[in-house]
C-alpha atoms as a PDB file:
ATOM      1  CA  MET A   1     105.599 156.581  67.595  1.00  0.00           C
ATOM      2  CA  LEU A   2     109.225 154.988  67.659  1.00  0.00           C
ATOM      3  CA  VAL A   3     110.120 152.101  69.887  1.00  0.00           C
ATOM      4  CA  ALA A   4     113.260 151.109  70.406  1.00  0.00           C
ATOM      5  CA  SER A   5     114.051 147.104  71.866  1.00  0.00           C
ATOM      6  CA  VAL A   6     117.162 145.814  73.041  1.00  0.00           C
ATOM      7  CA  SER A   7     118.190 142.148  74.250  1.00  0.00           C
ATOM      8  CA  PHE A   8     120.536 140.713  76.339  1.00  0.00           C
ATOM      9  CA  ALA A   9     121.707 137.934  76.450  1.00  0.00           C
ATOM     10  CA  GLN A  10     120.784 134.456  78.832  1.00  0.00           C
ATOM     11  CA  GLY A  11     121.676 131.915  78.126  1.00  0.00           C
ATOM     12  CA  ASN A  12     123.425 129.185  79.510  1.00  0.00           C
ATOM     13  CA  VAL A  13     127.497 128.892  79.229  1.00  0.00           C
ATOM     14  CA  SER A  14     129.486 125.505  79.464  1.00  0.00           C
ATOM     15  CA  ALA A  15     133.099 125.238  78.744  1.00  0.00           C
ATOM     16  CA  VAL A  16     134.639 121.693  78.590  1.00  0.00           C
ATOM     17  CA  ASN A  17     138.427 121.244  78.579  1.00  0.00           C
ATOM     18  CA  GLN A  18     140.292 117.708  78.246  1.00  0.00           C
ATOM     19  CA  PHE A  19     143.869 116.968  78.250  1.00  0.00           C
ATOM     20  CA  GLY A  20     144.434 113.057  78.363  1.00  0.00           C
ATOM     21  CA  ILE A  21     143.239 109.715  77.546  1.00  0.00           C
ATOM     22  CA  ALA A  22     139.753 108.655  77.623  1.00  0.00           C
ATOM     23  CA  ASN A  23     138.501 111.381  79.753  1.00  0.00           C
ATOM     24  CA  ALA A  24     134.115 112.241  79.460  1.00  0.00           C
ATOM     25  CA  ALA A  25     131.800 114.632  80.175  1.00  0.00           C
ATOM     26  CA  VAL A  26     128.665 114.981  80.149  1.00  0.00           C
ATOM     27  CA  ILE A  27     126.848 118.460  80.442  1.00  0.00           C
ATOM     28  CA  THR A  28     122.447 119.384  80.448  1.00  0.00           C
ATOM     29  CA  GLN A  29     121.759 122.504  81.341  1.00  0.00           C
ATOM     30  CA  SER A  30     118.031 124.159  81.249  1.00  0.00           C
ATOM     31  CA  GLY A  31     117.177 127.180  82.020  1.00  0.00           C
ATOM     32  CA  LEU A  32     118.942 130.819  82.252  1.00  0.00           C
ATOM     33  CA  GLU A  33     122.516 131.836  82.616  1.00  0.00           C
ATOM     34  CA  ASN A  34     123.643 128.462  84.536  1.00  0.00           C
ATOM     35  CA  ASP A  35     127.738 128.074  83.865  1.00  0.00           C
ATOM     36  CA  SER A  36     129.450 124.806  83.970  1.00  0.00           C
ATOM     37  CA  ASP A  37     133.348 124.839  83.797  1.00  0.00           C
ATOM     38  CA  VAL A  38     135.342 121.194  83.227  1.00  0.00           C
ATOM     39  CA  LEU A  39     138.515 120.424  83.644  1.00  0.00           C
ATOM     40  CA  GLN A  40     139.977 117.593  83.085  1.00  0.00           C
ATOM     41  CA  LEU A  41     143.883 115.781  83.106  1.00  0.00           C
ATOM     42  CA  GLY A  42     144.665 112.217  82.935  1.00  0.00           C
ATOM     43  CA  PHE A  43     143.451 109.285  82.073  1.00  0.00           C
ATOM     44  CA  ALA A  44     139.411 108.285  81.970  1.00  0.00           C
ATOM     45  CA  ASN A  45     137.733 110.731  83.841  1.00  0.00           C
ATOM     46  CA  LEU A  46     133.601 111.560  84.165  1.00  0.00           C
ATOM     47  CA  ALA A  47     132.256 114.379  84.875  1.00  0.00           C
ATOM     48  CA  VAL A  48     128.426 115.080  84.962  1.00  0.00           C
ATOM     49  CA  VAL A  49     126.575 118.331  85.256  1.00  0.00           C
ATOM     50  CA  ASP A  50     123.133 118.366  85.095  1.00  0.00           C
ATOM     51  CA  GLN A  51     121.518 122.454  85.606  1.00  0.00           C
ATOM     52  CA  ASP A  52     118.089 122.968  85.789  1.00  0.00           C
ATOM     53  CA  GLY A  53     117.370 126.909  86.806  1.00  0.00           C
ATOM     54  CA  ARG A  54     118.706 130.075  86.690  1.00  0.00           C
ATOM     55  CA  HIS A  55     122.392 131.147  87.614  1.00  0.00           C
ATOM     56  CA  ASN A  56     123.646 127.849  89.055  1.00  0.00           C
ATOM     57  CA  GLU A  57     127.664 127.478  89.079  1.00  0.00           C
ATOM     58  CA  ALA A  58     129.367 124.265  88.445  1.00  0.00           C
ATOM     59  CA  ASP A  59     133.395 123.928  88.613  1.00  0.00           C
ATOM     60  CA  ILE A  60     134.870 120.297  88.273  1.00  0.00           C
ATOM     61  CA  ASN A  61     137.975 120.094  88.605  1.00  0.00           C
ATOM     62  CA  GLN A  62     139.781 116.116  88.016  1.00  0.00           C
ATOM     63  CA  GLY A  63     143.021 115.525  87.984  1.00  0.00           C
ATOM     64  CA  GLY A  64     144.836 111.347  87.899  1.00  0.00           C
ATOM     65  CA  ALA A  65     142.628 108.456  86.140  1.00  0.00           C
ATOM     66  CA  LEU A  66     139.177 106.896  86.817  1.00  0.00           C
ATOM     67  CA  ASN A  67     137.736 109.621  89.354  1.00  0.00           C
ATOM     68  CA  TYR A  68     133.766 110.643  88.993  1.00  0.00           C
ATOM     69  CA  ALA A  69     132.396 113.936  89.392  1.00  0.00           C
ATOM     70  CA  ASN A  70     128.676 114.645  89.867  1.00  0.00           C
ATOM     71  CA  VAL A  71     127.089 117.590  89.837  1.00  0.00           C
ATOM     72  CA  ASP A  72     122.973 118.159  89.981  1.00  0.00           C
ATOM     73  CA  GLN A  73     121.480 121.566  90.608  1.00  0.00           C
ATOM     74  CA  LYS A  74     117.712 122.506  90.693  1.00  0.00           C
ATOM     75  CA  GLY A  75     116.469 126.515  91.316  1.00  0.00           C
ATOM     76  CA  ARG A  76     118.283 129.697  90.918  1.00  0.00           C
ATOM     77  CA  ARG A  77     121.864 131.171  92.182  1.00  0.00           C
ATOM     78  CA  ASN A  78     123.508 127.837  93.350  1.00  0.00           C
ATOM     79  CA  ASP A  79     127.252 127.217  93.353  1.00  0.00           C
ATOM     80  CA  ALA A  80     129.437 123.123  93.006  1.00  0.00           C
ATOM     81  CA  TYR A  81     133.135 122.821  93.066  1.00  0.00           C
ATOM     82  CA  ILE A  82     134.388 119.314  92.990  1.00  0.00           C
ATOM     83  CA  GLY A  83     138.129 118.966  92.516  1.00  0.00           C
ATOM     84  CA  GLN A  84     139.716 115.781  92.472  1.00  0.00           C
ATOM     85  CA  LEU A  85     143.093 114.709  92.601  1.00  0.00           C
ATOM     86  CA  GLY A  86     144.859 111.116  92.776  1.00  0.00           C
ATOM     87  CA  ILE A  87     142.756 108.032  91.454  1.00  0.00           C
ATOM     88  CA  ALA A  88     139.109 106.588  91.847  1.00  0.00           C
ATOM     89  CA  ASN A  89     137.925 109.137  93.908  1.00  0.00           C
ATOM     90  CA  ALA A  90     134.147 109.900  93.817  1.00  0.00           C
ATOM     91  CA  ALA A  91     132.122 113.129  94.344  1.00  0.00           C
ATOM     92  CA  TYR A  92     128.537 113.543  94.479  1.00  0.00           C
ATOM     93  CA  ILE A  93     126.701 117.068  94.714  1.00  0.00           C
ATOM     94  CA  THR A  94     122.976 117.666  95.183  1.00  0.00           C
ATOM     95  CA  GLN A  95     121.634 121.120  95.174  1.00  0.00           C
ATOM     96  CA  ASP A  96     117.613 121.837  95.314  1.00  0.00           C
ATOM     97  CA  GLY A  97     116.944 125.609  96.036  1.00  0.00           C
ATOM     98  CA  ARG A  98     118.630 128.851  95.541  1.00  0.00           C
ATOM     99  CA  ARG A  99     121.676 130.347  97.182  1.00  0.00           C
ATOM    100  CA  ASN A 100     123.658 126.874  98.340  1.00  0.00           C
ATOM    101  CA  ASP A 101     127.058 126.494  98.091  1.00  0.00           C
ATOM    102  CA  ALA A 102     129.124 123.088  98.123  1.00  0.00           C
ATOM    103  CA  VAL A 103     132.874 122.576  97.736  1.00  0.00           C
ATOM    104  CA  ILE A 104     134.594 118.938  97.712  1.00  0.00           C
ATOM    105  CA  GLY A 105     138.034 118.333  97.686  1.00  0.00           C
ATOM    106  CA  GLN A 106     139.726 114.628  97.228  1.00  0.00           C
ATOM    107  CA  ALA A 107     143.124 113.949  96.844  1.00  0.00           C
ATOM    108  CA  GLY A 108     144.211 110.590  97.108  1.00  0.00           C
ATOM    109  CA  PHE A 109     142.702 107.248  95.987  1.00  0.00           C
ATOM    110  CA  LEU A 110     139.128 106.197  96.815  1.00  0.00           C
ATOM    111  CA  ASN A 111     138.093 108.163  98.550  1.00  0.00           C
ATOM    112  CA  TYR A 112     134.025 108.686  98.530  1.00  0.00           C
ATOM    113  CA  ALA A 113     132.134 112.115  98.589  1.00  0.00           C
ATOM    114  CA  ARG A 114     128.416 112.642  98.810  1.00  0.00           C
ATOM    115  CA  THR A 115     126.699 116.395  99.492  1.00  0.00           C
ATOM    116  CA  THR A 116     122.992 117.000  99.112  1.00  0.00           C
ATOM    117  CA  GLN A 117     121.309 120.225  99.723  1.00  0.00           C
ATOM    118  CA  ILE A 118     117.888 121.417  99.995  1.00  0.00           C
ATOM    119  CA  GLY A 119     116.788 124.678 100.939  1.00  0.00           C
ATOM    120  CA  ARG A 120     118.463 127.501 100.459  1.00  0.00           C
ATOM    121  CA  ASP A 121     121.954 129.333 101.995  1.00  0.00           C
ATOM    122  CA  ASN A 122     123.120 126.729 103.553  1.00  0.00           C
ATOM    123  CA  SER A 123     126.914 125.875 102.569  1.00  0.00           C
ATOM    124  CA  SER A 124     129.307 122.805 103.145  1.00  0.00           C
ATOM    125  CA  THR A 125     132.551 122.022 102.243  1.00  0.00           C
ATOM    126  CA  THR A 126     134.586 118.639 102.512  1.00  0.00           C
ATOM    127  CA  LEU A 127     138.059 118.063 102.370  1.00  0.00           C
ATOM    128  CA  GLN A 128     139.399 114.345 101.692  1.00  0.00           C
ATOM    129  CA  PHE A 129     143.115 113.410 102.380  1.00  0.00           C
ATOM    130  CA  ASP A 130     144.764 109.932 101.713  1.00  0.00           C
ATOM    131  CA  ILE A 131     143.017 106.618 101.107  1.00  0.00           C
ATOM    132  CA  ALA A 132     138.871 105.493 100.845  1.00  0.00           C
ATOM    133  CA  ASN A 133     137.771 108.285 103.495  1.00  0.00           C
ATOM    134  CA  SER A 134     133.904 108.426 103.536  1.00  0.00           C
ATOM    135  CA  SER A 135     131.478 111.526 103.643  1.00  0.00           C
ATOM    136  CA  ASN A 136     128.056 112.053 103.512  1.00  0.00           C
ATOM    137  CA  THR A 137     126.609 115.524 104.326  1.00  0.00           C
ATOM    138  CA  MET A 138     122.304 116.257 104.360  1.00  0.00           C
ATOM    139  CA  GLN A 139     121.267 119.940 104.356  1.00  0.00           C
ATOM    140  CA  GLU A 140     117.833 120.433 104.202  1.00  0.00           C
ATOM    141  CA  GLY A 141     116.451 123.935 105.718  1.00  0.00           C
ATOM    142  CA  HIS A 142     118.459 127.135 105.504  1.00  0.00           C
ATOM    143  CA  ASP A 143     121.542 128.666 106.688  1.00  0.00           C
ATOM    144  CA  ASN A 144     123.328 125.321 107.989  1.00  0.00           C
ATOM    145  CA  ASN A 145     126.619 124.579 107.666  1.00  0.00           C
ATOM    146  CA  SER A 146     128.765 122.125 107.708  1.00  0.00           C
ATOM    147  CA  LEU A 147     132.814 121.605 107.522  1.00  0.00           C
ATOM    148  CA  VAL A 148     134.423 117.808 107.060  1.00  0.00           C
ATOM    149  CA  PHE A 149     138.305 116.870 107.604  1.00  0.00           C
ATOM    150  CA  GLN A 150     139.518 114.001 106.772  1.00  0.00           C
ATOM    151  CA  VAL A 151     143.286 112.562 106.488  1.00  0.00           C
ATOM    152  CA  GLY A 152     143.884 108.936 106.687  1.00  0.00           C
ATOM    153  CA  ILE A 153     142.538 105.874 106.119  1.00  0.00           C
ATOM    154  CA  GLY A 154     139.139 104.825 106.178  1.00  0.00           C
ATOM    155  CA  ASN A 155     137.627 107.266 107.724  1.00  0.00           C
ATOM    156  CA  SER A 156     133.568 107.995 107.620  1.00  0.00           C
ATOM    157  CA  ALA A 157     131.714 111.627 108.657  1.00  0.00           C
ATOM    158  CA  ASN A 158     128.230 111.402 108.437  1.00  0.00           C
ATOM    159  CA  VAL A 159     126.346 114.855 108.853  1.00  0.00           C
ATOM    160  CA  ASP A 160     122.116 115.894 108.924  1.00  0.00           C
ATOM    161  CA  GLN A 161     121.284 118.612 109.429  1.00  0.00           C
ATOM    162  CA  TYR A 162     117.288 119.800 109.784  1.00  0.00           C
ATOM    163  CA  GLY A 163     116.583 123.141 110.628  1.00  0.00           C
ATOM    164  CA  GLU A 164     118.720 126.161 110.412  1.00  0.00           C
ATOM    165  CA  TYR A 165     121.382 128.334 111.565  1.00  0.00           C
ATOM    166  CA  ASN A 166     122.803 124.583 112.534  1.00  0.00           C
ATOM    167  CA  MET A 167     126.967 124.311 112.797  1.00  0.00           C
ATOM    168  CA  ALA A 168     128.472 121.062 112.303  1.00  0.00           C
ATOM    169  CA  ILE A 169     132.460 120.665 111.794  1.00  0.00           C
ATOM    170  CA  THR A 170     133.817 116.909 111.582  1.00  0.00           C
ATOM    171  CA  THR A 171     137.668 116.455 111.990  1.00  0.00           C
ATOM    172  CA  GLN A 172     139.212 113.308 111.689  1.00  0.00           C
ATOM    173  CA  LEU A 173     143.120 112.596 111.326  1.00  0.00           C
ATOM    174  CA  GLY A 174     144.065 108.775 111.192  1.00  0.00           C
ATOM    175  CA  THR A 175     142.294 105.293 110.415  1.00  0.00           C
ATOM    176  CA  ASP A 176     138.896 104.139 110.759  1.00  0.00           C
ATOM    177  CA  ASN A 177     137.646 106.767 112.488  1.00  0.00           C
ATOM    178  CA  THR A 178     134.063 107.108 112.388  1.00  0.00           C
ATOM    179  CA  SER A 179     131.474 109.927 113.364  1.00  0.00           C
ATOM    180  CA  TYR A 180     127.509 111.130 113.263  1.00  0.00           C
ATOM    181  CA  ILE A 181     126.692 114.082 113.268  1.00  0.00           C
ATOM    182  CA  ASN A 182     122.644 114.409 113.756  1.00  0.00           C
ATOM    183  CA  GLN A 183     120.962 118.350 114.291  1.00  0.00           C
ATOM    184  CA  PHE A 184     117.023 119.253 114.300  1.00  0.00           C
ATOM    185  CA  GLY A 185     116.515 122.376 115.489  1.00  0.00           C
ATOM    186  CA  THR A 186     117.785 126.034 115.208  1.00  0.00           C
ATOM    187  CA  ALA A 187     121.352 126.773 115.748  1.00  0.00           C
ATOM    188  CA  ASN A 188     122.968 123.711 117.671  1.00  0.00           C
ATOM    189  CA  TYR A 189     126.336 123.774 117.176  1.00  0.00           C
ATOM    190  CA  ALA A 190     128.419 120.306 117.462  1.00  0.00           C
ATOM    191  CA  TRP A 191     132.400 120.513 117.239  1.00  0.00           C
ATOM    192  CA  THR A 192     134.001 116.188 116.673  1.00  0.00           C
ATOM    193  CA  ILE A 193     137.105 115.595 116.924  1.00  0.00           C
ATOM    194  CA  GLN A 194     138.992 112.494 116.078  1.00  0.00           C
ATOM    195  CA  THR A 195     142.414 111.812 116.269  1.00  0.00           C
ATOM    196  CA  GLY A 196     144.469 108.003 116.269  1.00  0.00           C
ATOM    197  CA  ASP A 197     142.764 105.224 115.331  1.00  0.00           C
ATOM    198  CA  SER A 198     139.380 103.087 115.452  1.00  0.00           C
ATOM    199  CA  HIS A 199     137.116 105.974 117.281  1.00  0.00           C
ATOM    200  CA  LEU A 200     132.936 106.014 116.925  1.00  0.00           C
ATOM    201  CA  SER A 201     131.548 109.212 117.879  1.00  0.00           C
ATOM    202  CA  THR A 202     127.599 110.011 117.591  1.00  0.00           C
ATOM    203  CA  VAL A 203     125.798 113.395 117.865  1.00  0.00           C
ATOM    204  CA  ASN A 204     122.282 114.079 118.207  1.00  0.00           C
ATOM    205  CA  GLN A 205     120.596 117.792 118.875  1.00  0.00           C
ATOM    206  CA  TRP A 206     117.172 118.442 119.165  1.00  0.00           C
ATOM    207  CA  GLY A 207     115.680 121.903 119.804  1.00  0.00           C
ATOM    208  CA  ALA A 208     118.073 124.971 119.608  1.00  0.00           C
ATOM    209  CA  GLY A 209     121.290 126.638 120.853  1.00  0.00           C
ATOM    210  CA  ASN A 210     122.379 123.328 122.245  1.00  0.00           C
ATOM    211  CA  MET A 211     126.175 123.063 121.937  1.00  0.00           C
ATOM    212  CA  SER A 212     128.666 119.579 121.793  1.00  0.00           C
ATOM    213  CA  LEU A 213     132.416 119.448 121.417  1.00  0.00           C
ATOM    214  CA  VAL A 214     133.444 115.506 121.358  1.00  0.00           C
ATOM    215  CA  MET A 215     137.742 115.615 121.202  1.00  0.00           C
ATOM    216  CA  GLN A 216     139.020 111.804 120.672  1.00  0.00           C
ATOM    217  CA  SER A 217     142.614 110.124 120.529  1.00  0.00           C
ATOM    218  CA  ASN A 218     144.587 107.659 121.577  1.00  0.00           C
END
């Protein structure tokens, strides 16, 4: 009897490219076919990637100085991207589950963003421009969606989603605006738009199929 065996590579893949001075990248991979790509241009940027599972994808691009990016993935087929351009921006993505997708983009100075996804098929995008904006997104469940868009100085966006098929959109254009969206249940929809300065909005949704639209300007 003749037996033929074919082996396919199932190792992890990591690529780090650094241009500049005192940039640092720390990559830890455990499992099968995880992929990490880090590009750093500038001075003293730090990227940390921890992947435990299989088929997870992490991409970090940093340009400028003193930026910090952290991706922690557990499970399978999670996808995380962090892009930073400027000085002293900080971004964190934590994913535990499968097929979660998270994007954080920062351009400016001293912006902070954190996204945590627990479950499956959740999607989050956070985009920050200018100075000292802050965003916190928490998703637990499945098929939840969040979009945060901030342009200005000192804006704060907070999104908590527990359940499934919830949608939250936060748009902030101005200075010192604060938004809270809390969703508990199924297929709730909330959109908060703040233009100008010093607005405060809180949306709490419990149940299914609720809809909220908040528009604030001055």
